[in-house]
Amino acid sequence: MHFLNKPVVILLSLLLVTSLLAAACGDDEPEELTEISLALDWFPWSNHSGLFVADTRGYFEDEGLDVNIYVPGDPSTVLQTVAAGRDDFGISYQPELLIARNKGVEAVSIMALVQHPLNSVMALTESGIAEPRDLAGKKVGAPGLPSDEALIDSMLKHQGLSIDDVEMVNVGFDLVTSLISKNVDAIVGAYWVHESISAENQGYPINIMRMEENGVPDFYELVIVASEEKIAEDPDVVQKFVRAVTRGYQDAIKDPRDAVAVLKAEKPETDLAIENPGVDLLAPLWATDNGIFGWQELDRWEDFAAWMVEVGLLETAEGAGDAYDNSFVEKAN
């Protein structure tokens, strides 16, 4: 009788062992990643390299995230798509965020990518235009944004002039082309860590007039935003995202050119002749005084909002402190 039941016992034992092994193996299976989107402000360039480092080196995956980093058809809509929940995160600009929030768009800066302005006024070195006062009677090309005209007006007023002393010309985004072809004498709206290098690579040395050195309050050029709803209802995902981005940029700050190499591998169209020297200028602007990547200061938001009211870009500076949230970068660091 016992002999007849032995195969049954063996079979049951084998089934038990198999089920235990399956359960054990199941514990090692990777959890399903949470899919999220990050809308960029422009085509991928050295300033985005930390994001691609985080993606390539698995920092997002370590946090259980699968991030779609993409360039929207119209980057000017990033704040609206994030606020509406069509994108989880996006890259935008401090002035535009304050204007949007003034109009009821519920987006919040959760980290500052670039701690100081990149926007600048540029002129060909051969023109002799080296300071805002030298622009008197000159043509200044601009992409047609109200904020750019307000910025150059403040720079001119800082040296006793105003925007009425120059001729503003809407050149769209053909800024460098318009400058080197001498259709205009100077341009505003171009980044001194990118377009200036492009011009110089074509044989046209550039004089750069930095905004925060010429009467414009210091501001955060680029910020990463999330919606108020996302922050309130899904803070764990926001924290995971910020933690991964922080790791990516910490790597990029330590070795900027290596970060650009990662970008080049992911985006072969990357022009290393621009991005390598550009990232050398850019990397120090990623760093913060307190060592916490992405940190933002209340006075920077309030002072810049007050300036925007002064130049007519905002109706009120009230609530400027609600436009940013440091809690996620503080925990990530």
C-alpha atoms as a PDB file:
ATOM      1  CA  MET A   1       0.000   0.000   0.000  1.00  0.00           C
ATOM      2  CA  HIS A   2       2.768   2.450   0.913  1.00  0.00           C
ATOM      3  CA  PHE A   3       4.690   1.432  -2.202  1.00  0.00           C
ATOM      4  CA  LEU A   4       1.691   2.222  -4.398  1.00  0.00           C
ATOM      5  CA  ASN A   5       1.390   5.787  -2.962  1.00  0.00           C
ATOM      6  CA  LYS A   6       5.046   6.636  -3.295  1.00  0.00           C
ATOM      7  CA  PRO A   7       4.776   8.137  -6.813  1.00  0.00           C
ATOM      8  CA  VAL A   8       1.940  10.310  -5.607  1.00  0.00           C
ATOM      9  CA  VAL A   9       4.031  11.573  -2.699  1.00  0.00           C
ATOM     10  CA  ILE A  10       6.954  12.284  -5.010  1.00  0.00           C
ATOM     11  CA  LEU A  11       4.669  14.096  -7.448  1.00  0.00           C
ATOM     12  CA  LEU A  12       3.185  16.221  -4.688  1.00  0.00           C
ATOM     13  CA  SER A  13       6.661  17.055  -3.402  1.00  0.00           C
ATOM     14  CA  LEU A  14       7.804  18.085  -6.850  1.00  0.00           C
ATOM     15  CA  LEU A  15       4.759  20.300  -7.279  1.00  0.00           C
ATOM     16  CA  LEU A  16       5.394  21.929  -3.903  1.00  0.00           C
ATOM     17  CA  VAL A  17       9.056  22.607  -4.750  1.00  0.00           C
ATOM     18  CA  THR A  18       8.071  23.996  -8.163  1.00  0.00           C
ATOM     19  CA  SER A  19       5.507  26.334  -6.643  1.00  0.00           C
ATOM     20  CA  LEU A  20       7.991  27.554  -4.054  1.00  0.00           C
ATOM     21  CA  LEU A  21      10.603  28.222  -6.734  1.00  0.00           C
ATOM     22  CA  ALA A  22       8.064  30.044  -8.861  1.00  0.00           C
ATOM     23  CA  ALA A  23       7.098  32.223  -5.913  1.00  0.00           C
ATOM     24  CA  ALA A  24      10.737  32.960  -5.178  1.00  0.00           C
ATOM     25  CA  CYS A  25      11.437  33.818  -8.802  1.00  0.00           C
ATOM     26  CA  GLY A  26       8.355  36.007  -8.833  1.00  0.00           C
ATOM     27  CA  ASP A  27       9.840  38.113  -6.054  1.00  0.00           C
ATOM     28  CA  ASP A  28      12.834  38.888  -8.283  1.00  0.00           C
ATOM     29  CA  GLU A  29      10.764  40.013 -11.252  1.00  0.00           C
ATOM     30  CA  PRO A  30      11.085  43.759 -11.872  1.00  0.00           C
ATOM     31  CA  GLU A  31       8.115  45.851 -10.927  1.00  0.00           C
ATOM     32  CA  GLU A  32       6.183  47.474 -13.752  1.00  0.00           C
ATOM     33  CA  LEU A  33       7.582  50.937 -14.462  1.00  0.00           C
ATOM     34  CA  THR A  34       5.399  54.020 -14.151  1.00  0.00           C
ATOM     35  CA  GLU A  35       5.240  55.828 -17.485  1.00  0.00           C
ATOM     36  CA  ILE A  36       5.601  59.606 -17.328  1.00  0.00           C
ATOM     37  CA  SER A  37       6.318  62.357 -19.843  1.00  0.00           C
ATOM     38  CA  LEU A  38       8.772  65.258 -19.766  1.00  0.00           C
ATOM     39  CA  ALA A  39       8.176  68.000 -22.340  1.00  0.00           C
ATOM     40  CA  LEU A  40      11.326  69.930 -23.273  1.00  0.00           C
ATOM     41  CA  ASP A  41      11.484  73.642 -23.986  1.00  0.00           C
ATOM     42  CA  TRP A  42      13.659  73.306 -27.115  1.00  0.00           C
ATOM     43  CA  PHE A  43      15.507  70.679 -29.123  1.00  0.00           C
ATOM     44  CA  PRO A  44      17.901  68.583 -26.990  1.00  0.00           C
ATOM     45  CA  TRP A  45      21.169  70.371 -26.284  1.00  0.00           C
ATOM     46  CA  SER A  46      23.859  70.449 -23.587  1.00  0.00           C
ATOM     47  CA  ASN A  47      21.529  71.958 -21.008  1.00  0.00           C
ATOM     48  CA  HIS A  48      19.392  68.810 -21.218  1.00  0.00           C
ATOM     49  CA  SER A  49      22.364  66.455 -20.956  1.00  0.00           C
ATOM     50  CA  GLY A  50      21.733  65.643 -17.287  1.00  0.00           C
ATOM     51  CA  LEU A  51      18.295  64.315 -18.222  1.00  0.00           C
ATOM     52  CA  PHE A  52      19.760  61.966 -20.810  1.00  0.00           C
ATOM     53  CA  VAL A  53      22.427  60.878 -18.318  1.00  0.00           C
ATOM     54  CA  ALA A  54      19.659  59.974 -15.859  1.00  0.00           C
ATOM     55  CA  ASP A  55      17.838  58.059 -18.586  1.00  0.00           C
ATOM     56  CA  THR A  56      20.859  56.263 -20.093  1.00  0.00           C
ATOM     57  CA  ARG A  57      22.383  55.260 -16.757  1.00  0.00           C
ATOM     58  CA  GLY A  58      19.145  53.855 -15.426  1.00  0.00           C
ATOM     59  CA  TYR A  59      18.505  56.464 -12.732  1.00  0.00           C
ATOM     60  CA  PHE A  60      14.860  56.843 -13.778  1.00  0.00           C
ATOM     61  CA  GLU A  61      14.463  53.064 -13.910  1.00  0.00           C
ATOM     62  CA  ASP A  62      16.001  52.778 -10.434  1.00  0.00           C
ATOM     63  CA  GLU A  63      13.092  54.909  -9.247  1.00  0.00           C
ATOM     64  CA  GLY A  64      10.541  52.759 -11.083  1.00  0.00           C
ATOM     65  CA  LEU A  65       9.978  55.328 -13.836  1.00  0.00           C
ATOM     66  CA  ASP A  66       9.862  55.081 -17.606  1.00  0.00           C
ATOM     67  CA  VAL A  67      10.300  58.677 -18.808  1.00  0.00           C
ATOM     68  CA  ASN A  68       9.382  59.853 -22.291  1.00  0.00           C
ATOM     69  CA  ILE A  69      11.631  62.869 -22.912  1.00  0.00           C
ATOM     70  CA  TYR A  70      10.331  64.656 -25.983  1.00  0.00           C
ATOM     71  CA  VAL A  71      10.140  67.984 -27.801  1.00  0.00           C
ATOM     72  CA  PRO A  72       6.519  69.121 -28.185  1.00  0.00           C
ATOM     73  CA  GLY A  73       5.315  70.534 -31.470  1.00  0.00           C
ATOM     74  CA  ASP A  74       4.868  73.913 -29.789  1.00  0.00           C
ATOM     75  CA  PRO A  75       7.155  74.289 -26.743  1.00  0.00           C
ATOM     76  CA  SER A  76       5.384  77.513 -25.778  1.00  0.00           C
ATOM     77  CA  THR A  77       2.432  75.376 -24.598  1.00  0.00           C
ATOM     78  CA  VAL A  78       4.413  73.356 -22.022  1.00  0.00           C
ATOM     79  CA  LEU A  79       2.975  75.167 -19.005  1.00  0.00           C
ATOM     80  CA  GLN A  80      -0.557  74.608 -20.248  1.00  0.00           C
ATOM     81  CA  THR A  81      -0.070  70.899 -21.050  1.00  0.00           C
ATOM     82  CA  VAL A  82       1.538  70.279 -17.664  1.00  0.00           C
ATOM     83  CA  ALA A  83      -1.160  72.178 -15.775  1.00  0.00           C
ATOM     84  CA  ALA A  84      -3.846  70.251 -17.660  1.00  0.00           C
ATOM     85  CA  GLY A  85      -2.209  66.897 -16.882  1.00  0.00           C
ATOM     86  CA  ARG A  86      -1.376  66.053 -20.507  1.00  0.00           C
ATOM     87  CA  ASP A  87       2.308  66.084 -19.501  1.00  0.00           C
ATOM     88  CA  ASP A  88       3.624  65.081 -16.101  1.00  0.00           C
ATOM     89  CA  PHE A  89       6.611  67.441 -16.168  1.00  0.00           C
ATOM     90  CA  GLY A  90       7.961  70.148 -18.410  1.00  0.00           C
ATOM     91  CA  ILE A  91      10.789  72.628 -18.814  1.00  0.00           C
ATOM     92  CA  SER A  92       9.876  76.297 -18.901  1.00  0.00           C
ATOM     93  CA  TYR A  93      11.139  79.738 -17.864  1.00  0.00           C
ATOM     94  CA  GLN A  94      10.695  81.794 -14.721  1.00  0.00           C
ATOM     95  CA  PRO A  95       9.137  84.845 -16.472  1.00  0.00           C
ATOM     96  CA  GLU A  96       6.681  82.717 -18.443  1.00  0.00           C
ATOM     97  CA  LEU A  97       5.725  80.707 -15.344  1.00  0.00           C
ATOM     98  CA  LEU A  98       4.912  83.862 -13.387  1.00  0.00           C
ATOM     99  CA  ILE A  99       2.847  85.247 -16.272  1.00  0.00           C
ATOM    100  CA  ALA A 100       0.984  81.952 -16.660  1.00  0.00           C
ATOM    101  CA  ARG A 101       0.232  81.655 -12.945  1.00  0.00           C
ATOM    102  CA  ASN A 102      -1.075  85.230 -13.000  1.00  0.00           C
ATOM    103  CA  LYS A 103      -3.591  83.948 -15.556  1.00  0.00           C
ATOM    104  CA  GLY A 104      -4.642  80.976 -13.470  1.00  0.00           C
ATOM    105  CA  VAL A 105      -2.366  78.281 -14.933  1.00  0.00           C
ATOM    106  CA  GLU A 106      -1.634  75.971 -11.980  1.00  0.00           C
ATOM    107  CA  ALA A 107       1.974  74.983 -12.691  1.00  0.00           C
ATOM    108  CA  VAL A 108       4.770  75.095 -10.115  1.00  0.00           C
ATOM    109  CA  SER A 109       8.550  75.052 -10.428  1.00  0.00           C
ATOM    110  CA  ILE A 110       9.866  71.983  -8.600  1.00  0.00           C
ATOM    111  CA  MET A 111      13.535  72.588  -9.423  1.00  0.00           C
ATOM    112  CA  ALA A 112      15.679  75.212 -11.143  1.00  0.00           C
ATOM    113  CA  LEU A 113      17.913  73.766 -13.847  1.00  0.00           C
ATOM    114  CA  VAL A 114      19.871  76.946 -14.554  1.00  0.00           C
ATOM    115  CA  GLN A 115      20.519  79.323 -11.678  1.00  0.00           C
ATOM    116  CA  HIS A 116      21.193  82.478 -13.738  1.00  0.00           C
ATOM    117  CA  PRO A 117      20.058  84.050 -17.022  1.00  0.00           C
ATOM    118  CA  LEU A 118      21.276  82.645 -20.324  1.00  0.00           C
ATOM    119  CA  ASN A 119      19.335  85.188 -22.357  1.00  0.00           C
ATOM    120  CA  SER A 120      21.574  88.076 -23.353  1.00  0.00           C
ATOM    121  CA  VAL A 121      22.202  90.877 -25.808  1.00  0.00           C
ATOM    122  CA  MET A 122      24.877  90.143 -28.413  1.00  0.00           C
ATOM    123  CA  ALA A 123      26.655  92.154 -31.069  1.00  0.00           C
ATOM    124  CA  LEU A 124      29.499  91.444 -33.446  1.00  0.00           C
ATOM    125  CA  THR A 125      32.824  92.407 -31.900  1.00  0.00           C
ATOM    126  CA  GLU A 126      33.729  94.306 -35.066  1.00  0.00           C
ATOM    127  CA  SER A 127      30.701  96.578 -34.530  1.00  0.00           C
ATOM    128  CA  GLY A 128      32.239  98.134 -31.413  1.00  0.00           C
ATOM    129  CA  ILE A 129      28.977  97.572 -29.519  1.00  0.00           C
ATOM    130  CA  ALA A 130      30.090  96.349 -26.108  1.00  0.00           C
ATOM    131  CA  GLU A 131      27.629  97.946 -23.660  1.00  0.00           C
ATOM    132  CA  PRO A 132      23.902  98.724 -23.738  1.00  0.00           C
ATOM    133  CA  ARG A 133      24.622 102.442 -24.221  1.00  0.00           C
ATOM    134  CA  ASP A 134      26.341 101.600 -27.514  1.00  0.00           C
ATOM    135  CA  LEU A 135      22.996 100.481 -28.915  1.00  0.00           C
ATOM    136  CA  ALA A 136      21.659 104.029 -29.277  1.00  0.00           C
ATOM    137  CA  GLY A 137      20.297 104.465 -32.797  1.00  0.00           C
ATOM    138  CA  LYS A 138      20.913 100.791 -33.666  1.00  0.00           C
ATOM    139  CA  LYS A 139      18.682  97.973 -34.892  1.00  0.00           C
ATOM    140  CA  VAL A 140      18.103  95.188 -32.367  1.00  0.00           C
ATOM    141  CA  GLY A 141      16.750  91.861 -33.601  1.00  0.00           C
ATOM    142  CA  ALA A 142      14.365  89.966 -31.319  1.00  0.00           C
ATOM    143  CA  PRO A 143      12.106  86.897 -31.533  1.00  0.00           C
ATOM    144  CA  GLY A 144       9.064  89.055 -30.831  1.00  0.00           C
ATOM    145  CA  LEU A 145       8.459  88.114 -27.206  1.00  0.00           C
ATOM    146  CA  PRO A 146       7.206  90.870 -24.879  1.00  0.00           C
ATOM    147  CA  SER A 147       9.562  89.706 -22.135  1.00  0.00           C
ATOM    148  CA  ASP A 148      12.614  90.235 -24.376  1.00  0.00           C
ATOM    149  CA  GLU A 149      11.644  93.841 -25.074  1.00  0.00           C
ATOM    150  CA  ALA A 150      11.119  94.452 -21.362  1.00  0.00           C
ATOM    151  CA  LEU A 151      14.517  92.928 -20.614  1.00  0.00           C
ATOM    152  CA  ILE A 152      16.414  95.064 -23.109  1.00  0.00           C
ATOM    153  CA  ASP A 153      14.493  98.160 -22.017  1.00  0.00           C
ATOM    154  CA  SER A 154      15.742  97.625 -18.445  1.00  0.00           C
ATOM    155  CA  MET A 155      19.286  97.131 -19.713  1.00  0.00           C
ATOM    156  CA  LEU A 156      19.099 100.353 -21.695  1.00  0.00           C
ATOM    157  CA  LYS A 157      17.588 102.291 -18.777  1.00  0.00           C
ATOM    158  CA  HIS A 158      20.435 101.041 -16.604  1.00  0.00           C
ATOM    159  CA  GLN A 159      22.729 103.178 -18.774  1.00  0.00           C
ATOM    160  CA  GLY A 160      20.484 106.188 -19.303  1.00  0.00           C
ATOM    161  CA  LEU A 161      18.640 105.097 -22.450  1.00  0.00           C
ATOM    162  CA  SER A 162      15.337 103.337 -23.163  1.00  0.00           C
ATOM    163  CA  ILE A 163      13.852 101.090 -25.789  1.00  0.00           C
ATOM    164  CA  ASP A 164      12.778 104.233 -27.654  1.00  0.00           C
ATOM    165  CA  ASP A 165      16.467 104.850 -28.425  1.00  0.00           C
ATOM    166  CA  VAL A 166      16.732 101.665 -30.524  1.00  0.00           C
ATOM    167  CA  GLU A 167      14.815 100.156 -33.409  1.00  0.00           C
ATOM    168  CA  MET A 168      13.401  96.742 -32.490  1.00  0.00           C
ATOM    169  CA  VAL A 169      13.162  94.322 -35.413  1.00  0.00           C
ATOM    170  CA  ASN A 170      11.196  91.065 -35.207  1.00  0.00           C
ATOM    171  CA  VAL A 171      13.471  88.444 -36.770  1.00  0.00           C
ATOM    172  CA  GLY A 172      11.723  85.427 -35.288  1.00  0.00           C
ATOM    173  CA  PHE A 173      14.284  82.878 -34.207  1.00  0.00           C
ATOM    174  CA  ASP A 174      16.745  83.667 -37.009  1.00  0.00           C
ATOM    175  CA  LEU A 175      18.782  85.587 -34.480  1.00  0.00           C
ATOM    176  CA  VAL A 176      22.350  84.568 -35.360  1.00  0.00           C
ATOM    177  CA  THR A 177      21.670  84.644 -39.104  1.00  0.00           C
ATOM    178  CA  SER A 178      20.262  88.164 -38.842  1.00  0.00           C
ATOM    179  CA  LEU A 179      23.267  89.297 -36.829  1.00  0.00           C
ATOM    180  CA  ILE A 180      26.069  87.879 -38.975  1.00  0.00           C
ATOM    181  CA  SER A 181      24.308  89.039 -42.151  1.00  0.00           C
ATOM    182  CA  LYS A 182      24.196  92.512 -40.551  1.00  0.00           C
ATOM    183  CA  ASN A 183      20.478  92.918 -41.045  1.00  0.00           C
ATOM    184  CA  VAL A 184      20.530  94.038 -37.408  1.00  0.00           C
ATOM    185  CA  ASP A 185      23.280  95.494 -35.219  1.00  0.00           C
ATOM    186  CA  ALA A 186      22.528  93.380 -32.148  1.00  0.00           C
ATOM    187  CA  ILE A 187      20.186  90.644 -30.973  1.00  0.00           C
ATOM    188  CA  VAL A 188      18.300  89.824 -27.795  1.00  0.00           C
ATOM    189  CA  GLY A 189      16.810  86.456 -26.915  1.00  0.00           C
ATOM    190  CA  ALA A 190      19.897  84.361 -27.708  1.00  0.00           C
ATOM    191  CA  TYR A 191      21.770  82.252 -25.167  1.00  0.00           C
ATOM    192  CA  TRP A 192      25.352  83.272 -24.467  1.00  0.00           C
ATOM    193  CA  VAL A 193      26.265  79.592 -23.908  1.00  0.00           C
ATOM    194  CA  HIS A 194      24.969  78.519 -27.320  1.00  0.00           C
ATOM    195  CA  GLU A 195      24.250  81.055 -30.084  1.00  0.00           C
ATOM    196  CA  SER A 196      27.399  83.048 -29.333  1.00  0.00           C
ATOM    197  CA  ILE A 197      29.475  79.900 -29.896  1.00  0.00           C
ATOM    198  CA  SER A 198      27.597  79.167 -33.123  1.00  0.00           C
ATOM    199  CA  ALA A 199      28.452  82.631 -34.441  1.00  0.00           C
ATOM    200  CA  GLU A 200      32.091  82.404 -33.404  1.00  0.00           C
ATOM    201  CA  ASN A 201      32.407  78.981 -35.042  1.00  0.00           C
ATOM    202  CA  GLN A 202      31.330  80.663 -38.271  1.00  0.00           C
ATOM    203  CA  GLY A 203      34.089  83.234 -37.893  1.00  0.00           C
ATOM    204  CA  TYR A 204      32.139  86.028 -36.198  1.00  0.00           C
ATOM    205  CA  PRO A 205      33.446  86.910 -32.704  1.00  0.00           C
ATOM    206  CA  ILE A 206      30.725  88.185 -30.377  1.00  0.00           C
ATOM    207  CA  ASN A 207      30.430  90.774 -27.605  1.00  0.00           C
ATOM    208  CA  ILE A 208      28.025  89.574 -24.918  1.00  0.00           C
ATOM    209  CA  MET A 209      26.013  91.784 -22.574  1.00  0.00           C
ATOM    210  CA  ARG A 210      24.729  89.734 -19.632  1.00  0.00           C
ATOM    211  CA  MET A 211      21.326  90.807 -18.306  1.00  0.00           C
ATOM    212  CA  GLU A 212      21.915  90.380 -14.581  1.00  0.00           C
ATOM    213  CA  GLU A 213      25.027  92.571 -14.937  1.00  0.00           C
ATOM    214  CA  ASN A 214      23.057  95.366 -16.600  1.00  0.00           C
ATOM    215  CA  GLY A 215      20.056  96.280 -14.492  1.00  0.00           C
ATOM    216  CA  VAL A 216      17.885  93.149 -14.719  1.00  0.00           C
ATOM    217  CA  PRO A 217      17.265  91.222 -11.483  1.00  0.00           C
ATOM    218  CA  ASP A 218      18.949  87.825 -11.388  1.00  0.00           C
ATOM    219  CA  PHE A 219      16.522  85.059 -12.354  1.00  0.00           C
ATOM    220  CA  TYR A 220      16.283  81.342 -13.016  1.00  0.00           C
ATOM    221  CA  GLU A 221      16.554  80.831 -16.747  1.00  0.00           C
ATOM    222  CA  LEU A 222      15.127  77.319 -16.893  1.00  0.00           C
ATOM    223  CA  VAL A 223      12.894  75.505 -14.407  1.00  0.00           C
ATOM    224  CA  ILE A 224      11.215  72.103 -14.310  1.00  0.00           C
ATOM    225  CA  VAL A 225       7.497  72.351 -13.607  1.00  0.00           C
ATOM    226  CA  ALA A 226       4.727  70.069 -12.412  1.00  0.00           C
ATOM    227  CA  SER A 227       1.056  70.790 -11.853  1.00  0.00           C
ATOM    228  CA  GLU A 228      -0.342  71.655  -8.442  1.00  0.00           C
ATOM    229  CA  GLU A 229      -2.593  68.597  -8.792  1.00  0.00           C
ATOM    230  CA  LYS A 230       0.373  66.301  -9.518  1.00  0.00           C
ATOM    231  CA  ILE A 231       2.247  67.602  -6.481  1.00  0.00           C
ATOM    232  CA  ALA A 232      -0.778  67.142  -4.229  1.00  0.00           C
ATOM    233  CA  GLU A 233      -2.014  63.777  -5.500  1.00  0.00           C
ATOM    234  CA  ASP A 234       1.146  62.002  -6.643  1.00  0.00           C
ATOM    235  CA  PRO A 235       4.048  63.363  -4.556  1.00  0.00           C
ATOM    236  CA  ASP A 236       5.870  60.005  -4.574  1.00  0.00           C
ATOM    237  CA  VAL A 237       6.266  60.095  -8.357  1.00  0.00           C
ATOM    238  CA  VAL A 238       7.379  63.719  -8.225  1.00  0.00           C
ATOM    239  CA  GLN A 239       9.966  62.831  -5.588  1.00  0.00           C
ATOM    240  CA  LYS A 240      11.255  59.861  -7.581  1.00  0.00           C
ATOM    241  CA  PHE A 241      11.543  61.990 -10.699  1.00  0.00           C
ATOM    242  CA  VAL A 242      13.407  64.775  -8.907  1.00  0.00           C
ATOM    243  CA  ARG A 243      15.740  62.279  -7.268  1.00  0.00           C
ATOM    244  CA  ALA A 244      16.675  60.723 -10.623  1.00  0.00           C
ATOM    245  CA  VAL A 245      17.125  64.094 -12.337  1.00  0.00           C
ATOM    246  CA  THR A 246      19.339  65.231  -9.476  1.00  0.00           C
ATOM    247  CA  ARG A 247      21.590  62.200  -9.902  1.00  0.00           C
ATOM    248  CA  GLY A 248      21.859  62.874 -13.617  1.00  0.00           C
ATOM    249  CA  TYR A 249      22.896  66.485 -13.138  1.00  0.00           C
ATOM    250  CA  GLN A 250      25.276  65.676 -10.320  1.00  0.00           C
ATOM    251  CA  ASP A 251      27.085  63.449 -12.820  1.00  0.00           C
ATOM    252  CA  ALA A 252      26.927  66.190 -15.451  1.00  0.00           C
ATOM    253  CA  ILE A 253      28.360  68.800 -13.080  1.00  0.00           C
ATOM    254  CA  LYS A 254      31.278  66.489 -12.235  1.00  0.00           C
ATOM    255  CA  ASP A 255      32.050  65.738 -15.896  1.00  0.00           C
ATOM    256  CA  PRO A 256      30.171  68.084 -18.256  1.00  0.00           C
ATOM    257  CA  ARG A 257      31.760  66.843 -21.472  1.00  0.00           C
ATOM    258  CA  ASP A 258      31.024  63.247 -20.598  1.00  0.00           C
ATOM    259  CA  ALA A 259      27.385  64.270 -20.188  1.00  0.00           C
ATOM    260  CA  VAL A 260      27.457  65.812 -23.663  1.00  0.00           C
ATOM    261  CA  ALA A 261      28.959  62.565 -24.981  1.00  0.00           C
ATOM    262  CA  VAL A 262      25.936  60.744 -23.533  1.00  0.00           C
ATOM    263  CA  LEU A 263      23.655  63.276 -25.245  1.00  0.00           C
ATOM    264  CA  LYS A 264      25.515  62.772 -28.538  1.00  0.00           C
ATOM    265  CA  ALA A 265      25.085  59.005 -28.295  1.00  0.00           C
ATOM    266  CA  GLU A 266      21.340  59.442 -27.780  1.00  0.00           C
ATOM    267  CA  LYS A 267      20.938  62.348 -30.224  1.00  0.00           C
ATOM    268  CA  PRO A 268      23.492  61.987 -33.056  1.00  0.00           C
ATOM    269  CA  GLU A 269      22.531  65.377 -34.494  1.00  0.00           C
ATOM    270  CA  THR A 270      24.171  67.074 -31.484  1.00  0.00           C
ATOM    271  CA  ASP A 271      26.861  69.521 -32.698  1.00  0.00           C
ATOM    272  CA  LEU A 272      29.875  68.931 -30.449  1.00  0.00           C
ATOM    273  CA  ALA A 273      31.608  72.022 -31.838  1.00  0.00           C
ATOM    274  CA  ILE A 274      28.897  74.057 -30.082  1.00  0.00           C
ATOM    275  CA  GLU A 275      27.893  71.854 -27.174  1.00  0.00           C
ATOM    276  CA  ASN A 276      31.356  70.989 -25.802  1.00  0.00           C
ATOM    277  CA  PRO A 277      32.517  74.589 -25.272  1.00  0.00           C
ATOM    278  CA  GLY A 278      28.956  75.527 -24.365  1.00  0.00           C
ATOM    279  CA  VAL A 279      28.653  73.008 -21.547  1.00  0.00           C
ATOM    280  CA  ASP A 280      31.921  74.286 -20.054  1.00  0.00           C
ATOM    281  CA  LEU A 281      30.188  77.660 -19.642  1.00  0.00           C
ATOM    282  CA  LEU A 282      26.873  76.154 -18.624  1.00  0.00           C
ATOM    283  CA  ALA A 283      27.897  73.635 -15.955  1.00  0.00           C
ATOM    284  CA  PRO A 284      28.791  76.258 -13.306  1.00  0.00           C
ATOM    285  CA  LEU A 285      25.263  77.654 -13.713  1.00  0.00           C
ATOM    286  CA  TRP A 286      23.767  74.288 -12.745  1.00  0.00           C
ATOM    287  CA  ALA A 287      25.515  74.438  -9.377  1.00  0.00           C
ATOM    288  CA  THR A 288      23.975  76.187  -6.364  1.00  0.00           C
ATOM    289  CA  ASP A 289      25.548  78.130  -3.505  1.00  0.00           C
ATOM    290  CA  ASN A 290      24.231  75.680  -0.895  1.00  0.00           C
ATOM    291  CA  GLY A 291      25.118  72.551  -2.870  1.00  0.00           C
ATOM    292  CA  ILE A 292      21.494  71.456  -3.318  1.00  0.00           C
ATOM    293  CA  PHE A 293      20.904  70.996  -7.039  1.00  0.00           C
ATOM    294  CA  GLY A 294      17.724  72.670  -8.214  1.00  0.00           C
ATOM    295  CA  TRP A 295      17.393  74.931  -5.138  1.00  0.00           C
ATOM    296  CA  GLN A 296      15.403  78.177  -5.445  1.00  0.00           C
ATOM    297  CA  GLU A 297      15.375  81.302  -3.276  1.00  0.00           C
ATOM    298  CA  LEU A 298      12.254  83.237  -2.297  1.00  0.00           C
ATOM    299  CA  ASP A 299      13.855  86.640  -2.822  1.00  0.00           C
ATOM    300  CA  ARG A 300      14.786  85.707  -6.405  1.00  0.00           C
ATOM    301  CA  TRP A 301      11.136  84.958  -7.154  1.00  0.00           C
ATOM    302  CA  GLU A 302       9.781  87.999  -5.345  1.00  0.00           C
ATOM    303  CA  ASP A 303      12.354  90.460  -6.735  1.00  0.00           C
ATOM    304  CA  PHE A 304      11.862  89.270 -10.276  1.00  0.00           C
ATOM    305  CA  ALA A 305       8.071  89.353  -9.939  1.00  0.00           C
ATOM    306  CA  ALA A 306       8.311  92.925  -8.645  1.00  0.00           C
ATOM    307  CA  TRP A 307      10.439  93.840 -11.681  1.00  0.00           C
ATOM    308  CA  MET A 308       7.859  92.243 -13.975  1.00  0.00           C
ATOM    309  CA  VAL A 309       5.146  94.385 -12.412  1.00  0.00           C
ATOM    310  CA  GLU A 310       7.334  97.453 -12.865  1.00  0.00           C
ATOM    311  CA  VAL A 311       7.808  96.785 -16.604  1.00  0.00           C
ATOM    312  CA  GLY A 312       4.174  95.852 -17.170  1.00  0.00           C
ATOM    313  CA  LEU A 313       4.522  92.094 -17.642  1.00  0.00           C
ATOM    314  CA  LEU A 314       2.541  91.276 -14.483  1.00  0.00           C
ATOM    315  CA  GLU A 315      -0.415  92.909 -12.788  1.00  0.00           C
ATOM    316  CA  THR A 316       0.694  91.893  -9.306  1.00  0.00           C
ATOM    317  CA  ALA A 317       3.675  90.299  -7.600  1.00  0.00           C
ATOM    318  CA  GLU A 318       1.517  88.731  -4.915  1.00  0.00           C
ATOM    319  CA  GLY A 319       1.891  84.982  -4.628  1.00  0.00           C
ATOM    320  CA  ALA A 320       5.306  84.849  -6.283  1.00  0.00           C
ATOM    321  CA  GLY A 321       6.466  82.543  -3.492  1.00  0.00           C
ATOM    322  CA  ASP A 322       3.779  80.034  -4.446  1.00  0.00           C
ATOM    323  CA  ALA A 323       5.334  79.592  -7.897  1.00  0.00           C
ATOM    324  CA  TYR A 324       8.031  77.240  -6.611  1.00  0.00           C
ATOM    325  CA  ASP A 325       8.410  74.293  -4.228  1.00  0.00           C
ATOM    326  CA  ASN A 326      11.798  73.341  -2.748  1.00  0.00           C
ATOM    327  CA  SER A 327      10.600  70.318  -0.799  1.00  0.00           C
ATOM    328  CA  PHE A 328      11.438  67.745  -3.460  1.00  0.00           C
ATOM    329  CA  VAL A 329      14.993  68.928  -4.167  1.00  0.00           C
ATOM    330  CA  GLU A 330      15.652  69.193  -0.447  1.00  0.00           C
ATOM    331  CA  LYS A 331      14.719  65.540   0.067  1.00  0.00           C
ATOM    332  CA  ALA A 332      16.572  64.447  -3.076  1.00  0.00           C
ATOM    333  CA  ASN A 333      19.819  65.906  -1.842  1.00  0.00           C
END
